[in-house]
């Protein structure tokens, strides 16, 4: 995913490792989505961020092992007004 990208109004499901992966990208907006059934063994991450900046808003998560995995020295994540609907 490149800089200044947006994932908006999507249903994302059925992934094993990551639903959305952001690496070395800035100003990524993830909003108004339904992300579910990302259940890989020891993975299953809805949003993976490595040295990027991401804002996650107004998104519903369900059947996810981990909502966000953030790594890297320059990673910034803003997470607001989301719903974890559980398993």
N, C-alpha and C. Protein backbone atom coordinates (compact mmCIF):
# COMPACT_ATOMS: atom_id res chain seq x y z
N UNK A 1 0.85 -1.16 0.00
CA UNK A 1 0.00 0.00 0.00
C UNK A 1 0.91 1.23 0.00
N UNK A 2 0.61 2.20 -0.87
CA UNK A 2 1.41 3.42 -0.96
C UNK A 2 0.94 4.50 -0.01
N UNK A 3 1.64 5.60 0.00
CA UNK A 3 1.29 6.75 0.84
C UNK A 3 -0.09 7.30 0.48
N UNK A 4 -0.75 7.89 1.47
CA UNK A 4 -2.02 8.59 1.28
C UNK A 4 -3.13 7.72 0.70
N UNK A 5 -3.16 6.44 1.07
CA UNK A 5 -4.19 5.52 0.57
C UNK A 5 -5.35 5.46 1.57
N UNK A 6 -6.50 5.02 1.06
CA UNK A 6 -7.69 4.90 1.90
C UNK A 6 -8.40 3.58 1.62
N UNK A 7 -8.80 2.89 2.68
CA UNK A 7 -9.64 1.70 2.60
C UNK A 7 -10.95 2.10 3.27
N UNK A 8 -12.02 2.19 2.48
CA UNK A 8 -13.25 2.81 2.95
C UNK A 8 -14.46 1.99 2.51
N UNK A 9 -15.38 1.73 3.44
CA UNK A 9 -16.65 1.05 3.13
C UNK A 9 -16.45 -0.31 2.48
N UNK A 10 -15.58 -1.13 3.07
CA UNK A 10 -15.31 -2.46 2.52
C UNK A 10 -15.66 -3.54 3.55
N UNK A 11 -16.04 -4.70 3.04
CA UNK A 11 -16.13 -5.90 3.87
C UNK A 11 -14.92 -6.75 3.52
N UNK A 12 -14.11 -7.04 4.52
CA UNK A 12 -12.87 -7.80 4.31
C UNK A 12 -12.93 -9.01 5.22
N UNK A 13 -12.81 -10.22 4.63
CA UNK A 13 -12.89 -11.43 5.46
C UNK A 13 -12.16 -12.59 4.80
N UNK A 14 -11.94 -13.62 5.61
CA UNK A 14 -11.41 -14.87 5.11
C UNK A 14 -9.91 -14.91 4.92
N UNK A 15 -9.18 -13.97 5.48
CA UNK A 15 -7.73 -13.98 5.33
C UNK A 15 -7.10 -14.77 6.46
N UNK A 16 -5.92 -15.31 6.21
CA UNK A 16 -5.25 -16.13 7.21
C UNK A 16 -4.29 -15.31 8.07
N UNK A 17 -3.49 -14.46 7.44
CA UNK A 17 -2.45 -13.74 8.16
C UNK A 17 -2.86 -12.32 8.52
N UNK A 18 -3.01 -11.44 7.51
CA UNK A 18 -3.40 -10.05 7.73
C UNK A 18 -4.55 -9.70 6.79
N UNK A 19 -5.52 -8.93 7.28
CA UNK A 19 -6.56 -8.41 6.39
C UNK A 19 -6.02 -7.20 5.63
N UNK A 20 -5.31 -6.31 6.32
CA UNK A 20 -4.70 -5.13 5.71
C UNK A 20 -3.27 -5.04 6.25
N UNK A 21 -2.29 -4.91 5.36
CA UNK A 21 -0.89 -4.76 5.77
C UNK A 21 -0.36 -3.43 5.24
N UNK A 22 0.23 -2.66 6.13
CA UNK A 22 0.81 -1.36 5.77
C UNK A 22 2.28 -1.41 6.16
N UNK A 23 3.16 -1.28 5.17
CA UNK A 23 4.59 -1.27 5.43
C UNK A 23 5.23 -0.07 4.75
N UNK A 24 5.93 0.74 5.55
CA UNK A 24 6.65 1.91 5.04
C UNK A 24 5.75 2.84 4.25
N UNK A 25 4.54 3.07 4.70
CA UNK A 25 3.59 3.97 4.04
C UNK A 25 3.01 4.92 5.08
N UNK A 26 2.75 6.15 4.66
CA UNK A 26 2.29 7.19 5.56
C UNK A 26 0.88 7.66 5.19
N UNK A 27 0.18 8.17 6.20
CA UNK A 27 -1.15 8.77 6.02
C UNK A 27 -2.17 7.80 5.43
N UNK A 28 -2.24 6.61 5.98
CA UNK A 28 -3.21 5.61 5.54
C UNK A 28 -4.48 5.77 6.38
N UNK A 29 -5.61 5.83 5.71
CA UNK A 29 -6.91 5.99 6.37
C UNK A 29 -7.71 4.71 6.16
N UNK A 30 -8.14 4.08 7.25
CA UNK A 30 -8.97 2.87 7.21
C UNK A 30 -10.24 3.21 7.97
N UNK A 31 -11.37 3.32 7.25
CA UNK A 31 -12.59 3.75 7.93
C UNK A 31 -13.85 3.16 7.33
N UNK A 32 -14.85 3.00 8.20
CA UNK A 32 -16.19 2.52 7.82
C UNK A 32 -16.14 1.15 7.14
N UNK A 33 -15.38 0.22 7.72
CA UNK A 33 -15.25 -1.12 7.16
C UNK A 33 -15.83 -2.16 8.12
N UNK A 34 -16.04 -3.36 7.59
CA UNK A 34 -16.40 -4.52 8.39
C UNK A 34 -15.33 -5.56 8.11
N UNK A 35 -14.48 -5.83 9.09
CA UNK A 35 -13.37 -6.77 8.93
C UNK A 35 -13.63 -7.94 9.87
N UNK A 36 -13.71 -9.15 9.29
CA UNK A 36 -14.07 -10.31 10.10
C UNK A 36 -13.45 -11.58 9.56
N UNK A 37 -13.43 -12.61 10.42
CA UNK A 37 -12.92 -13.94 10.09
C UNK A 37 -11.50 -13.91 9.52
N UNK A 38 -10.61 -13.33 10.32
CA UNK A 38 -9.17 -13.36 10.03
C UNK A 38 -8.58 -14.16 11.20
N UNK A 39 -8.45 -15.46 11.00
CA UNK A 39 -8.23 -16.36 12.14
C UNK A 39 -7.05 -17.30 11.97
N UNK A 40 -6.01 -16.87 11.29
CA UNK A 40 -4.85 -17.73 11.13
C UNK A 40 -4.23 -18.10 12.47
N UNK A 41 -3.71 -19.31 12.56
CA UNK A 41 -3.08 -19.76 13.79
C UNK A 41 -1.87 -18.89 14.08
N UNK A 42 -1.84 -18.26 15.24
CA UNK A 42 -0.77 -17.37 15.69
C UNK A 42 -0.60 -16.14 14.79
N UNK A 43 -1.57 -15.86 13.95
CA UNK A 43 -1.57 -14.63 13.15
C UNK A 43 -2.96 -14.04 13.28
N UNK A 44 -3.70 -13.95 12.20
CA UNK A 44 -5.08 -13.47 12.29
C UNK A 44 -5.18 -12.03 12.73
N UNK A 45 -4.41 -11.15 12.07
CA UNK A 45 -4.36 -9.73 12.42
C UNK A 45 -5.20 -8.93 11.44
N UNK A 46 -6.08 -8.09 11.94
CA UNK A 46 -6.90 -7.26 11.05
C UNK A 46 -6.05 -6.20 10.35
N UNK A 47 -5.25 -5.44 11.12
CA UNK A 47 -4.43 -4.37 10.55
C UNK A 47 -3.00 -4.53 11.06
N UNK A 48 -2.08 -4.78 10.15
CA UNK A 48 -0.65 -4.90 10.47
C UNK A 48 0.05 -3.65 9.98
N UNK A 49 0.82 -2.99 10.86
CA UNK A 49 1.52 -1.76 10.51
C UNK A 49 2.99 -1.91 10.87
N UNK A 50 3.86 -1.69 9.89
CA UNK A 50 5.31 -1.73 10.08
C UNK A 50 5.90 -0.45 9.53
N UNK A 51 6.37 0.43 10.40
CA UNK A 51 6.95 1.72 10.00
C UNK A 51 6.03 2.51 9.10
N UNK A 52 4.81 2.69 9.54
CA UNK A 52 3.83 3.49 8.79
C UNK A 52 2.97 4.30 9.74
N UNK A 53 2.14 5.16 9.17
CA UNK A 53 1.17 5.90 9.98
C UNK A 53 -0.23 5.60 9.47
N UNK A 54 -1.09 5.18 10.39
CA UNK A 54 -2.43 4.69 10.04
C UNK A 54 -3.46 5.28 11.00
N UNK A 55 -4.61 5.65 10.45
CA UNK A 55 -5.76 6.02 11.26
C UNK A 55 -6.87 5.02 10.97
N UNK A 56 -7.38 4.38 12.02
CA UNK A 56 -8.47 3.41 11.90
C UNK A 56 -9.67 3.98 12.64
N UNK A 57 -10.78 4.20 11.91
CA UNK A 57 -11.98 4.81 12.49
C UNK A 57 -13.24 4.12 12.00
N UNK A 58 -14.26 4.12 12.87
CA UNK A 58 -15.61 3.69 12.48
C UNK A 58 -15.62 2.34 11.76
N UNK A 59 -14.81 1.40 12.26
CA UNK A 59 -14.71 0.08 11.65
C UNK A 59 -15.17 -0.97 12.67
N UNK A 60 -15.86 -1.99 12.18
CA UNK A 60 -16.33 -3.09 13.02
C UNK A 60 -15.43 -4.30 12.79
N UNK A 61 -14.96 -4.88 13.89
CA UNK A 61 -14.10 -6.07 13.85
C UNK A 61 -14.82 -7.22 14.53
N UNK A 62 -14.77 -8.40 13.89
CA UNK A 62 -15.39 -9.59 14.47
C UNK A 62 -14.61 -10.82 14.04
N UNK A 63 -14.48 -11.80 14.93
CA UNK A 63 -13.77 -13.04 14.62
C UNK A 63 -12.34 -12.74 14.16
N UNK A 64 -11.64 -11.95 14.97
CA UNK A 64 -10.26 -11.55 14.70
C UNK A 64 -9.41 -11.98 15.88
N UNK A 65 -8.24 -12.52 15.64
CA UNK A 65 -7.36 -12.87 16.76
C UNK A 65 -6.75 -11.62 17.39
N UNK A 66 -6.26 -10.70 16.54
CA UNK A 66 -5.71 -9.43 17.02
C UNK A 66 -6.19 -8.33 16.09
N UNK A 67 -6.67 -7.24 16.65
CA UNK A 67 -7.16 -6.14 15.82
C UNK A 67 -6.01 -5.42 15.15
N UNK A 68 -4.98 -5.03 15.91
CA UNK A 68 -3.85 -4.30 15.34
C UNK A 68 -2.55 -4.90 15.84
N UNK A 69 -1.60 -5.04 14.93
CA UNK A 69 -0.23 -5.38 15.27
C UNK A 69 0.64 -4.26 14.73
N UNK A 70 1.34 -3.55 15.61
CA UNK A 70 2.14 -2.40 15.21
C UNK A 70 3.60 -2.64 15.60
N UNK A 71 4.48 -2.60 14.61
CA UNK A 71 5.91 -2.79 14.84
C UNK A 71 6.68 -1.70 14.10
N UNK A 72 7.93 -1.52 14.47
CA UNK A 72 8.78 -0.54 13.80
C UNK A 72 8.93 0.73 14.60
N UNK A 73 10.08 1.35 14.47
CA UNK A 73 10.41 2.56 15.24
C UNK A 73 9.58 3.77 14.87
N UNK A 74 9.09 3.84 13.64
CA UNK A 74 8.37 5.04 13.19
C UNK A 74 6.87 4.83 13.05
N UNK A 75 6.35 3.74 13.58
CA UNK A 75 4.92 3.44 13.45
C UNK A 75 4.08 4.35 14.33
N UNK A 76 2.99 4.87 13.73
CA UNK A 76 2.01 5.67 14.46
C UNK A 76 0.62 5.14 14.10
N UNK A 77 -0.18 4.86 15.12
CA UNK A 77 -1.54 4.37 14.90
C UNK A 77 -2.51 5.22 15.70
N UNK A 78 -3.55 5.71 15.02
CA UNK A 78 -4.67 6.36 15.68
C UNK A 78 -5.87 5.44 15.53
N UNK A 79 -6.48 5.07 16.65
CA UNK A 79 -7.58 4.10 16.67
C UNK A 79 -8.72 4.73 17.45
N UNK A 80 -9.81 5.07 16.75
CA UNK A 80 -10.92 5.74 17.43
C UNK A 80 -12.28 5.38 16.85
N UNK A 81 -13.26 5.29 17.74
CA UNK A 81 -14.66 5.04 17.37
C UNK A 81 -14.85 3.75 16.57
N UNK A 82 -14.18 2.68 16.99
CA UNK A 82 -14.31 1.38 16.36
C UNK A 82 -15.09 0.45 17.28
N UNK A 83 -15.53 -0.69 16.74
CA UNK A 83 -16.29 -1.67 17.52
C UNK A 83 -15.62 -3.02 17.38
N UNK A 84 -15.31 -3.64 18.52
CA UNK A 84 -14.84 -5.02 18.54
C UNK A 84 -16.05 -5.87 18.91
N UNK A 85 -16.64 -6.54 17.91
CA UNK A 85 -17.85 -7.32 18.11
C UNK A 85 -17.56 -8.69 18.71
N UNK A 86 -16.30 -9.00 18.95
CA UNK A 86 -15.93 -10.25 19.60
C UNK A 86 -15.97 -11.43 18.67
N UNK A 87 -15.98 -12.60 19.31
CA UNK A 87 -15.96 -13.84 18.53
C UNK A 87 -17.32 -14.41 18.55
